[in-house]
Amino acid sequence: MKDVIKEILEANEKAKNDIENVEKLKLESAQRVKNKLSETSSEYIDKARMNIKVIQKIEESKAEVEIEKINEECEVKIKEIKNIYDKNKNLWINNIFDNIVGIL
């Protein structure tokens, strides 16, 4: 009978130790999962930041091309206006002069 009681107490102690080990393993696993999630989250955030920088550079490059195109179009229009002015300058001056003299 003493052996049976001794076995029961040993089995109880073993079960208690097994429960403690399982709890410890459970906490360690939870911490590993938490660390992995944090690491993965950081990786995604870093990748997103790099993607944002790449997209910004692409958009800046597109904007510079568009600005250059607009500037070239403006230069063409300015030259057209200047040519029209140079071509009609004397005619306009004479018309203005004639209108002023005609009023007087």
PDB file of N, CA and C in Angstrom:
ATOM      1  N   MET A   1       0.828  -1.177   0.000  1.00  0.00           N
ATOM      2  CA  MET A   1       0.000   0.000   0.000  1.00  0.00           C
ATOM      3  C   MET A   1       0.881   1.252   0.000  1.00  0.00           C
ATOM      4  N   LYS A   2       1.984   1.198   0.775  1.00  0.00           N
ATOM      5  CA  LYS A   2       2.884   2.350   0.804  1.00  0.00           C
ATOM      6  C   LYS A   2       3.451   2.602  -0.594  1.00  0.00           C
ATOM      7  N   ASP A   3       3.694   1.540  -1.329  1.00  0.00           N
ATOM      8  CA  ASP A   3       4.220   1.690  -2.688  1.00  0.00           C
ATOM      9  C   ASP A   3       3.197   2.354  -3.603  1.00  0.00           C
ATOM     10  N   VAL A   4       1.947   2.000  -3.425  1.00  0.00           N
ATOM     11  CA  VAL A   4       0.874   2.589  -4.244  1.00  0.00           C
ATOM     12  C   VAL A   4       0.754   4.070  -3.934  1.00  0.00           C
ATOM     13  N   ILE A   5       0.777   4.409  -2.671  1.00  0.00           N
ATOM     14  CA  ILE A   5       0.689   5.819  -2.266  1.00  0.00           C
ATOM     15  C   ILE A   5       1.906   6.573  -2.784  1.00  0.00           C
ATOM     16  N   LYS A   6       3.064   5.916  -2.665  1.00  0.00           N
ATOM     17  CA  LYS A   6       4.292   6.548  -3.141  1.00  0.00           C
ATOM     18  C   LYS A   6       4.205   6.777  -4.659  1.00  0.00           C
ATOM     19  N   GLU A   7       3.692   5.799  -5.397  1.00  0.00           N
ATOM     20  CA  GLU A   7       3.536   5.941  -6.851  1.00  0.00           C
ATOM     21  C   GLU A   7       2.537   7.044  -7.197  1.00  0.00           C
ATOM     22  N   ILE A   8       1.465   7.113  -6.417  1.00  0.00           N
ATOM     23  CA  ILE A   8       0.452   8.161  -6.639  1.00  0.00           C
ATOM     24  C   ILE A   8       1.067   9.532  -6.407  1.00  0.00           C
ATOM     25  N   LEU A   9       1.847   9.664  -5.342  1.00  0.00           N
ATOM     26  CA  LEU A   9       2.488  10.952  -5.040  1.00  0.00           C
ATOM     27  C   LEU A   9       3.520  11.303  -6.109  1.00  0.00           C
ATOM     28  N   GLU A  10       4.267  10.317  -6.556  1.00  0.00           N
ATOM     29  CA  GLU A  10       5.240  10.558  -7.627  1.00  0.00           C
ATOM     30  C   GLU A  10       4.541  10.939  -8.928  1.00  0.00           C
ATOM     31  N   ALA A  11       3.453  10.227  -9.231  1.00  0.00           N
ATOM     32  CA  ALA A  11       2.673  10.545 -10.438  1.00  0.00           C
ATOM     33  C   ALA A  11       2.094  11.951 -10.340  1.00  0.00           C
ATOM     34  N   ASN A  12       1.619  12.303  -9.155  1.00  0.00           N
ATOM     35  CA  ASN A  12       1.074  13.642  -8.924  1.00  0.00           C
ATOM     36  C   ASN A  12       2.159  14.696  -9.110  1.00  0.00           C
ATOM     37  N   GLU A  13       3.358  14.430  -8.570  1.00  0.00           N
ATOM     38  CA  GLU A  13       4.491  15.358  -8.693  1.00  0.00           C
ATOM     39  C   GLU A  13       4.910  15.484 -10.160  1.00  0.00           C
ATOM     40  N   LYS A  14       4.934  14.335 -10.863  1.00  0.00           N
ATOM     41  CA  LYS A  14       5.290  14.345 -12.289  1.00  0.00           C
ATOM     42  C   LYS A  14       4.263  15.152 -13.083  1.00  0.00           C
ATOM     43  N   ALA A  15       2.979  14.952 -12.784  1.00  0.00           N
ATOM     44  CA  ALA A  15       1.914  15.691 -13.474  1.00  0.00           C
ATOM     45  C   ALA A  15       2.050  17.184 -13.196  1.00  0.00           C
ATOM     46  N   LYS A  16       2.362  17.507 -11.939  1.00  0.00           N
ATOM     47  CA  LYS A  16       2.556  18.923 -11.568  1.00  0.00           C
ATOM     48  C   LYS A  16       3.729  19.510 -12.356  1.00  0.00           C
ATOM     49  N   ASN A  17       4.836  18.777 -12.449  1.00  0.00           N
ATOM     50  CA  ASN A  17       6.001  19.231 -13.212  1.00  0.00           C
ATOM     51  C   ASN A  17       5.676  19.346 -14.713  1.00  0.00           C
ATOM     52  N   ASP A  18       4.914  18.370 -15.202  1.00  0.00           N
ATOM     53  CA  ASP A  18       4.522  18.412 -16.621  1.00  0.00           C
ATOM     54  C   ASP A  18       3.658  19.643 -16.907  1.00  0.00           C
ATOM     55  N   ILE A  19       2.745  19.951 -15.999  1.00  0.00           N
ATOM     56  CA  ILE A  19       1.886  21.141 -16.161  1.00  0.00           C
ATOM     57  C   ILE A  19       2.736  22.410 -16.151  1.00  0.00           C
ATOM     58  N   GLU A  20       3.702  22.492 -15.239  1.00  0.00           N
ATOM     59  CA  GLU A  20       4.595  23.650 -15.179  1.00  0.00           C
ATOM     60  C   GLU A  20       5.405  23.777 -16.468  1.00  0.00           C
ATOM     61  N   ASN A  21       5.893  22.631 -16.972  1.00  0.00           N
ATOM     62  CA  ASN A  21       6.655  22.649 -18.221  1.00  0.00           C
ATOM     63  C   ASN A  21       5.784  23.080 -19.405  1.00  0.00           C
ATOM     64  N   VAL A  22       4.556  22.598 -19.428  1.00  0.00           N
ATOM     65  CA  VAL A  22       3.630  22.982 -20.500  1.00  0.00           C
ATOM     66  C   VAL A  22       3.332  24.478 -20.411  1.00  0.00           C
ATOM     67  N   GLU A  23       3.102  24.990 -19.222  1.00  0.00           N
ATOM     68  CA  GLU A  23       2.839  26.422 -19.042  1.00  0.00           C
ATOM     69  C   GLU A  23       4.046  27.245 -19.488  1.00  0.00           C
ATOM     70  N   LYS A  24       5.241  26.780 -19.114  1.00  0.00           N
ATOM     71  CA  LYS A  24       6.471  27.472 -19.508  1.00  0.00           C
ATOM     72  C   LYS A  24       6.613  27.451 -21.027  1.00  0.00           C
ATOM     73  N   LEU A  25       6.359  26.282 -21.630  1.00  0.00           N
ATOM     74  CA  LEU A  25       6.432  26.150 -23.083  1.00  0.00           C
ATOM     75  C   LEU A  25       5.391  27.046 -23.759  1.00  0.00           C
ATOM     76  N   LYS A  26       4.215  27.106 -23.163  1.00  0.00           N
ATOM     77  CA  LYS A  26       3.144  27.957 -23.689  1.00  0.00           C
ATOM     78  C   LYS A  26       3.568  29.429 -23.686  1.00  0.00           C
ATOM     79  N   LEU A  27       4.160  29.904 -22.591  1.00  0.00           N
ATOM     80  CA  LEU A  27       4.625  31.292 -22.495  1.00  0.00           C
ATOM     81  C   LEU A  27       5.752  31.569 -23.495  1.00  0.00           C
ATOM     82  N   GLU A  28       6.691  30.605 -23.600  1.00  0.00           N
ATOM     83  CA  GLU A  28       7.791  30.776 -24.553  1.00  0.00           C
ATOM     84  C   GLU A  28       7.270  30.826 -25.982  1.00  0.00           C
ATOM     85  N   SER A  29       6.307  29.977 -26.296  1.00  0.00           N
ATOM     86  CA  SER A  29       5.721  29.959 -27.646  1.00  0.00           C
ATOM     87  C   SER A  29       4.999  31.271 -27.937  1.00  0.00           C
ATOM     88  N   ALA A  30       4.254  31.748 -26.974  1.00  0.00           N
ATOM     89  CA  ALA A  30       3.541  33.017 -27.139  1.00  0.00           C
ATOM     90  C   ALA A  30       4.535  34.151 -27.376  1.00  0.00           C
ATOM     91  N   GLN A  31       5.646  34.136 -26.648  1.00  0.00           N
ATOM     92  CA  GLN A  31       6.660  35.181 -26.820  1.00  0.00           C
ATOM     93  C   GLN A  31       7.314  35.080 -28.196  1.00  0.00           C
ATOM     94  N   ARG A  32       7.593  33.846 -28.653  1.00  0.00           N
ATOM     95  CA  ARG A  32       8.176  33.671 -29.991  1.00  0.00           C
ATOM     96  C   ARG A  32       7.223  34.170 -31.069  1.00  0.00           C
ATOM     97  N   VAL A  33       5.937  33.881 -30.913  1.00  0.00           N
ATOM     98  CA  VAL A  33       4.930  34.348 -31.879  1.00  0.00           C
ATOM     99  C   VAL A  33       4.880  35.870 -31.875  1.00  0.00           C
ATOM    100  N   LYS A  34       4.886  36.452 -30.686  1.00  0.00           N
ATOM    101  CA  LYS A  34       4.861  37.914 -30.558  1.00  0.00           C
ATOM    102  C   LYS A  34       6.094  38.535 -31.215  1.00  0.00           C
ATOM    103  N   ASN A  35       7.263  37.953 -30.971  1.00  0.00           N
ATOM    104  CA  ASN A  35       8.504  38.454 -31.575  1.00  0.00           C
ATOM    105  C   ASN A  35       8.471  38.327 -33.093  1.00  0.00           C
ATOM    106  N   LYS A  36       7.960  37.200 -33.585  1.00  0.00           N
ATOM    107  CA  LYS A  36       7.892  36.976 -35.037  1.00  0.00           C
ATOM    108  C   LYS A  36       6.928  37.977 -35.670  1.00  0.00           C
ATOM    109  N   LEU A  37       5.802  38.228 -35.028  1.00  0.00           N
ATOM    110  CA  LEU A  37       4.846  39.219 -35.540  1.00  0.00           C
ATOM    111  C   LEU A  37       5.465  40.607 -35.588  1.00  0.00           C
ATOM    112  N   SER A  38       6.184  40.944 -34.534  1.00  0.00           N
ATOM    113  CA  SER A  38       6.841  42.249 -34.484  1.00  0.00           C
ATOM    114  C   SER A  38       7.891  42.366 -35.584  1.00  0.00           C
ATOM    115  N   GLU A  39       8.662  41.306 -35.765  1.00  0.00           N
ATOM    116  CA  GLU A  39       9.703  41.295 -36.797  1.00  0.00           C
ATOM    117  C   GLU A  39       9.086  41.404 -38.189  1.00  0.00           C
ATOM    118  N   THR A  40       8.031  40.631 -38.424  1.00  0.00           N
ATOM    119  CA  THR A  40       7.356  40.659 -39.721  1.00  0.00           C
ATOM    120  C   THR A  40       6.735  42.027 -39.978  1.00  0.00           C
ATOM    121  N   SER A  41       6.132  42.586 -38.948  1.00  0.00           N
ATOM    122  CA  SER A  41       5.535  43.920 -39.071  1.00  0.00           C
ATOM    123  C   SER A  41       6.595  44.950 -39.422  1.00  0.00           C
ATOM    124  N   SER A  42       7.729  44.873 -38.763  1.00  0.00           N
ATOM    125  CA  SER A  42       8.826  45.808 -39.047  1.00  0.00           C
ATOM    126  C   SER A  42       9.323  45.647 -40.475  1.00  0.00           C
ATOM    127  N   GLU A  43       9.419  44.401 -40.931  1.00  0.00           N
ATOM    128  CA  GLU A  43       9.863  44.159 -42.310  1.00  0.00           C
ATOM    129  C   GLU A  43       8.889  44.777 -43.307  1.00  0.00           C
ATOM    130  N   TYR A  44       7.588  44.584 -43.079  1.00  0.00           N
ATOM    131  CA  TYR A  44       6.583  45.157 -43.984  1.00  0.00           C
ATOM    132  C   TYR A  44       6.628  46.677 -43.967  1.00  0.00           C
ATOM    133  N   ILE A  45       6.814  47.243 -42.790  1.00  0.00           N
ATOM    134  CA  ILE A  45       6.890  48.702 -42.696  1.00  0.00           C
ATOM    135  C   ILE A  45       8.118  49.216 -43.438  1.00  0.00           C
ATOM    136  N   ASP A  46       9.249  48.536 -43.282  1.00  0.00           N
ATOM    137  CA  ASP A  46      10.468  48.940 -43.989  1.00  0.00           C
ATOM    138  C   ASP A  46      10.275  48.836 -45.499  1.00  0.00           C
ATOM    139  N   LYS A  47       9.666  47.739 -45.954  1.00  0.00           N
ATOM    140  CA  LYS A  47       9.410  47.571 -47.387  1.00  0.00           C
ATOM    141  C   LYS A  47       8.467  48.661 -47.895  1.00  0.00           C
ATOM    142  N   ALA A  48       7.445  48.972 -47.116  1.00  0.00           N
ATOM    143  CA  ALA A  48       6.492  50.015 -47.514  1.00  0.00           C
ATOM    144  C   ALA A  48       7.192  51.368 -47.618  1.00  0.00           C
ATOM    145  N   ARG A  49       8.063  51.663 -46.679  1.00  0.00           N
ATOM    146  CA  ARG A  49       8.802  52.935 -46.726  1.00  0.00           C
ATOM    147  C   ARG A  49       9.693  53.004 -47.961  1.00  0.00           C
ATOM    148  N   MET A  50      10.347  51.879 -48.286  1.00  0.00           N
ATOM    149  CA  MET A  50      11.192  51.862 -49.485  1.00  0.00           C
ATOM    150  C   MET A  50      10.345  52.035 -50.735  1.00  0.00           C
ATOM    151  N   ASN A  51       9.173  51.386 -50.761  1.00  0.00           N
ATOM    152  CA  ASN A  51       8.279  51.532 -51.913  1.00  0.00           C
ATOM    153  C   ASN A  51       7.800  52.971 -52.059  1.00  0.00           C
ATOM    154  N   ILE A  52       7.503  53.605 -50.937  1.00  0.00           N
ATOM    155  CA  ILE A  52       7.069  55.006 -50.973  1.00  0.00           C
ATOM    156  C   ILE A  52       8.171  55.887 -51.548  1.00  0.00           C
ATOM    157  N   LYS A  53       9.420  55.637 -51.134  1.00  0.00           N
ATOM    158  CA  LYS A  53      10.539  56.433 -51.655  1.00  0.00           C
ATOM    159  C   LYS A  53      10.695  56.231 -53.154  1.00  0.00           C
ATOM    160  N   VAL A  54      10.565  54.989 -53.604  1.00  0.00           N
ATOM    161  CA  VAL A  54      10.679  54.702 -55.036  1.00  0.00           C
ATOM    162  C   VAL A  54       9.556  55.399 -55.798  1.00  0.00           C
ATOM    163  N   ILE A  55       8.350  55.302 -55.281  1.00  0.00           N
ATOM    164  CA  ILE A  55       7.194  55.936 -55.936  1.00  0.00           C
ATOM    165  C   ILE A  55       7.371  57.452 -55.971  1.00  0.00           C
ATOM    166  N   GLN A  56       7.880  58.029 -54.877  1.00  0.00           N
ATOM    167  CA  GLN A  56       8.112  59.476 -54.846  1.00  0.00           C
ATOM    168  C   GLN A  56       9.113  59.885 -55.924  1.00  0.00           C
ATOM    169  N   LYS A  57      10.187  59.120 -56.071  1.00  0.00           N
ATOM    170  CA  LYS A  57      11.187  59.443 -57.089  1.00  0.00           C
ATOM    171  C   LYS A  57      10.596  59.340 -58.487  1.00  0.00           C
ATOM    172  N   ILE A  58       9.788  58.310 -58.705  1.00  0.00           N
ATOM    173  CA  ILE A  58       9.145  58.153 -60.014  1.00  0.00           C
ATOM    174  C   ILE A  58       8.212  59.324 -60.280  1.00  0.00           C
ATOM    175  N   GLU A  59       7.404  59.698 -59.295  1.00  0.00           N
ATOM    176  CA  GLU A  59       6.460  60.802 -59.461  1.00  0.00           C
ATOM    177  C   GLU A  59       7.201  62.130 -59.664  1.00  0.00           C
ATOM    178  N   GLU A  60       8.288  62.334 -58.936  1.00  0.00           N
ATOM    179  CA  GLU A  60       9.082  63.550 -59.121  1.00  0.00           C
ATOM    180  C   GLU A  60       9.657  63.603 -60.528  1.00  0.00           C
ATOM    181  N   SER A  61      10.115  62.456 -60.997  1.00  0.00           N
ATOM    182  CA  SER A  61      10.671  62.390 -62.346  1.00  0.00           C
ATOM    183  C   SER A  61       9.595  62.697 -63.388  1.00  0.00           C
ATOM    184  N   LYS A  62       8.414  62.125 -63.204  1.00  0.00           N
ATOM    185  CA  LYS A  62       7.301  62.404 -64.116  1.00  0.00           C
ATOM    186  C   LYS A  62       6.942  63.889 -64.082  1.00  0.00           C
ATOM    187  N   ALA A  63       6.927  64.457 -62.891  1.00  0.00           N
ATOM    188  CA  ALA A  63       6.579  65.878 -62.747  1.00  0.00           C
ATOM    189  C   ALA A  63       7.623  66.750 -63.440  1.00  0.00           C
ATOM    190  N   GLU A  64       8.894  66.401 -63.295  1.00  0.00           N
ATOM    191  CA  GLU A  64       9.952  67.183 -63.950  1.00  0.00           C
ATOM    192  C   GLU A  64       9.809  67.126 -65.465  1.00  0.00           C
ATOM    193  N   VAL A  65       9.488  65.960 -65.992  1.00  0.00           N
ATOM    194  CA  VAL A  65       9.275  65.818 -67.439  1.00  0.00           C
ATOM    195  C   VAL A  65       8.090  66.677 -67.872  1.00  0.00           C
ATOM    196  N   GLU A  66       7.018  66.635 -67.103  1.00  0.00           N
ATOM    197  CA  GLU A  66       5.820  67.414 -67.442  1.00  0.00           C
ATOM    198  C   GLU A  66       6.107  68.915 -67.357  1.00  0.00           C
ATOM    199  N   ILE A  67       6.841  69.323 -66.339  1.00  0.00           N
ATOM    200  CA  ILE A  67       7.207  70.742 -66.202  1.00  0.00           C
ATOM    201  C   ILE A  67       8.058  71.183 -67.380  1.00  0.00           C
ATOM    202  N   GLU A  68       9.005  70.365 -67.766  1.00  0.00           N
ATOM    203  CA  GLU A  68       9.867  70.689 -68.908  1.00  0.00           C
ATOM    204  C   GLU A  68       9.035  70.805 -70.190  1.00  0.00           C
ATOM    205  N   LYS A  69       8.090  69.911 -70.350  1.00  0.00           N
ATOM    206  CA  LYS A  69       7.204  69.952 -71.518  1.00  0.00           C
ATOM    207  C   LYS A  69       6.388  71.248 -71.526  1.00  0.00           C
ATOM    208  N   ILE A  70       5.859  71.622 -70.384  1.00  0.00           N
ATOM    209  CA  ILE A  70       5.077  72.861 -70.280  1.00  0.00           C
ATOM    210  C   ILE A  70       5.965  74.071 -70.561  1.00  0.00           C
ATOM    211  N   ASN A  71       7.182  74.065 -70.009  1.00  0.00           N
ATOM    212  CA  ASN A  71       8.109  75.176 -70.258  1.00  0.00           C
ATOM    213  C   ASN A  71       8.437  75.293 -71.744  1.00  0.00           C
ATOM    214  N   GLU A  72       8.634  74.159 -72.409  1.00  0.00           N
ATOM    215  CA  GLU A  72       8.921  74.189 -73.847  1.00  0.00           C
ATOM    216  C   GLU A  72       7.733  74.743 -74.624  1.00  0.00           C
ATOM    217  N   GLU A  73       6.518  74.332 -74.243  1.00  0.00           N
ATOM    218  CA  GLU A  73       5.314  74.851 -74.895  1.00  0.00           C
ATOM    219  C   GLU A  73       5.192  76.355 -74.672  1.00  0.00           C
ATOM    220  N   CYS A  74       5.509  76.805 -73.472  1.00  0.00           N
ATOM    221  CA  CYS A  74       5.458  78.244 -73.179  1.00  0.00           C
ATOM    222  C   CYS A  74       6.485  78.996 -74.025  1.00  0.00           C
ATOM    223  N   GLU A  75       7.671  78.449 -74.151  1.00  0.00           N
ATOM    224  CA  GLU A  75       8.704  79.094 -74.968  1.00  0.00           C
ATOM    225  C   GLU A  75       8.240  79.210 -76.426  1.00  0.00           C
ATOM    226  N   VAL A  76       7.610  78.172 -76.942  1.00  0.00           N
ATOM    227  CA  VAL A  76       7.102  78.201 -78.315  1.00  0.00           C
ATOM    228  C   VAL A  76       6.046  79.297 -78.446  1.00  0.00           C
ATOM    229  N   LYS A  77       5.130  79.383 -77.501  1.00  0.00           N
ATOM    230  CA  LYS A  77       4.075  80.410 -77.546  1.00  0.00           C
ATOM    231  C   LYS A  77       4.674  81.808 -77.434  1.00  0.00           C
ATOM    232  N   ILE A  78       5.648  81.961 -76.552  1.00  0.00           N
ATOM    233  CA  ILE A  78       6.296  83.271 -76.405  1.00  0.00           C
ATOM    234  C   ILE A  78       6.972  83.678 -77.708  1.00  0.00           C
ATOM    235  N   LYS A  79       7.645  82.737 -78.371  1.00  0.00           N
ATOM    236  CA  LYS A  79       8.292  83.040 -79.653  1.00  0.00           C
ATOM    237  C   LYS A  79       7.257  83.401 -80.710  1.00  0.00           C
ATOM    238  N   GLU A  80       6.126  82.682 -80.722  1.00  0.00           N
ATOM    239  CA  GLU A  80       5.059  82.996 -81.674  1.00  0.00           C
ATOM    240  C   GLU A  80       4.537  84.415 -81.443  1.00  0.00           C
ATOM    241  N   ILE A  81       4.293  84.744 -80.184  1.00  0.00           N
ATOM    242  CA  ILE A  81       3.783  86.088 -79.848  1.00  0.00           C
ATOM    243  C   ILE A  81       4.815  87.148 -80.216  1.00  0.00           C
ATOM    244  N   LYS A  82       6.081  86.869 -79.923  1.00  0.00           N
ATOM    245  CA  LYS A  82       7.143  87.820 -80.257  1.00  0.00           C
ATOM    246  C   LYS A  82       7.232  88.014 -81.772  1.00  0.00           C
ATOM    247  N   ASN A  83       7.117  86.930 -82.529  1.00  0.00           N
ATOM    248  CA  ASN A  83       7.142  87.043 -83.991  1.00  0.00           C
ATOM    249  C   ASN A  83       5.961  87.869 -84.502  1.00  0.00           C
ATOM    250  N   ILE A  84       4.778  87.624 -83.938  1.00  0.00           N
ATOM    251  CA  ILE A  84       3.599  88.403 -84.336  1.00  0.00           C
ATOM    252  C   ILE A  84       3.812  89.876 -83.982  1.00  0.00           C
ATOM    253  N   TYR A  85       4.353  90.133 -82.795  1.00  0.00           N
ATOM    254  CA  TYR A  85       4.618  91.509 -82.383  1.00  0.00           C
ATOM    255  C   TYR A  85       5.625  92.175 -83.327  1.00  0.00           C
ATOM    256  N   ASP A  86       6.749  91.468 -83.569  1.00  0.00           N
ATOM    257  CA  ASP A  86       7.770  92.037 -84.463  1.00  0.00           C
ATOM    258  C   ASP A  86       7.197  92.308 -85.850  1.00  0.00           C
ATOM    259  N   LYS A  87       6.354  91.417 -86.324  1.00  0.00           N
ATOM    260  CA  LYS A  87       5.766  91.559 -87.660  1.00  0.00           C
ATOM    261  C   LYS A  87       4.781  92.729 -87.720  1.00  0.00           C
ATOM    262  N   ASN A  88       4.021  92.944 -86.660  1.00  0.00           N
ATOM    263  CA  ASN A  88       2.941  93.943 -86.684  1.00  0.00           C
ATOM    264  C   ASN A  88       3.252  95.212 -85.895  1.00  0.00           C
ATOM    265  N   LYS A  89       4.411  95.295 -85.295  1.00  0.00           N
ATOM    266  CA  LYS A  89       4.762  96.416 -84.428  1.00  0.00           C
ATOM    267  C   LYS A  89       4.565  97.759 -85.133  1.00  0.00           C
ATOM    268  N   ASN A  90       5.176  97.916 -86.284  1.00  0.00           N
ATOM    269  CA  ASN A  90       5.095  99.202 -86.986  1.00  0.00           C
ATOM    270  C   ASN A  90       3.665  99.518 -87.406  1.00  0.00           C
ATOM    271  N   LEU A  91       2.926  98.515 -87.839  1.00  0.00           N
ATOM    272  CA  LEU A  91       1.531  98.732 -88.221  1.00  0.00           C
ATOM    273  C   LEU A  91       0.716  99.210 -87.023  1.00  0.00           C
ATOM    274  N   TRP A  92       0.926  98.589 -85.884  1.00  0.00           N
ATOM    275  CA  TRP A  92       0.188  98.965 -84.684  1.00  0.00           C
ATOM    276  C   TRP A  92       0.580 100.373 -84.231  1.00  0.00           C
ATOM    277  N   ILE A  93       1.863 100.683 -84.282  1.00  0.00           N
ATOM    278  CA  ILE A  93       2.313 102.031 -83.904  1.00  0.00           C
ATOM    279  C   ILE A  93       1.677 103.072 -84.826  1.00  0.00           C
ATOM    280  N   ASN A  94       1.671 102.803 -86.108  1.00  0.00           N
ATOM    281  CA  ASN A  94       1.070 103.740 -87.070  1.00  0.00           C
ATOM    282  C   ASN A  94      -0.423 103.888 -86.831  1.00  0.00           C
ATOM    283  N   ASN A  95      -1.117 102.777 -86.538  1.00  0.00           N
ATOM    284  CA  ASN A  95      -2.564 102.856 -86.276  1.00  0.00           C
ATOM    285  C   ASN A  95      -2.846 103.680 -85.031  1.00  0.00           C
ATOM    286  N   ILE A  96      -2.064 103.442 -83.991  1.00  0.00           N
ATOM    287  CA  ILE A  96      -2.248 104.213 -82.756  1.00  0.00           C
ATOM    288  C   ILE A  96      -1.967 105.690 -83.024  1.00  0.00           C
ATOM    289  N   PHE A  97      -0.887 105.986 -83.751  1.00  0.00           N
ATOM    290  CA  PHE A  97      -0.546 107.369 -84.066  1.00  0.00           C
ATOM    291  C   PHE A  97      -1.651 108.023 -84.897  1.00  0.00           C
ATOM    292  N   ASP A  98      -2.121 107.301 -85.913  1.00  0.00           N
ATOM    293  CA  ASP A  98      -3.194 107.842 -86.769  1.00  0.00           C
ATOM    294  C   ASP A  98      -4.454 108.107 -85.966  1.00  0.00           C
ATOM    295  N   ASN A  99      -4.781 107.201 -85.039  1.00  0.00           N
ATOM    296  CA  ASN A  99      -5.982 107.390 -84.206  1.00  0.00           C
ATOM    297  C   ASN A  99      -5.828 108.603 -83.289  1.00  0.00           C
ATOM    298  N   ILE A 100      -4.632 108.799 -82.754  1.00  0.00           N
ATOM    299  CA  ILE A 100      -4.387 109.953 -81.879  1.00  0.00           C
ATOM    300  C   ILE A 100      -4.451 111.244 -82.696  1.00  0.00           C
ATOM    301  N   VAL A 101      -3.804 111.239 -83.837  1.00  0.00           N
ATOM    302  CA  VAL A 101      -3.799 112.446 -84.687  1.00  0.00           C
ATOM    303  C   VAL A 101      -5.201 112.737 -85.199  1.00  0.00           C
ATOM    304  N   GLY A 102      -5.957 111.669 -85.486  1.00  0.00           N
ATOM    305  CA  GLY A 102      -7.318 111.837 -85.979  1.00  0.00           C
ATOM    306  C   GLY A 102      -8.227 112.441 -84.930  1.00  0.00           C
ATOM    307  N   ILE A 103      -7.963 112.222 -83.666  1.00  0.00           N
ATOM    308  CA  ILE A 103      -8.768 112.776 -82.582  1.00  0.00           C
ATOM    309  C   ILE A 103      -8.453 114.242 -82.410  1.00  0.00           C
ATOM    310  N   LEU A 104      -7.211 114.586 -82.615  1.00  0.00           N
ATOM    311  CA  LEU A 104      -6.802 115.975 -82.382  1.00  0.00           C
ATOM    312  C   LEU A 104      -7.234 116.781 -83.544  1.00  0.00           C
TER     313      LEU A 104
END
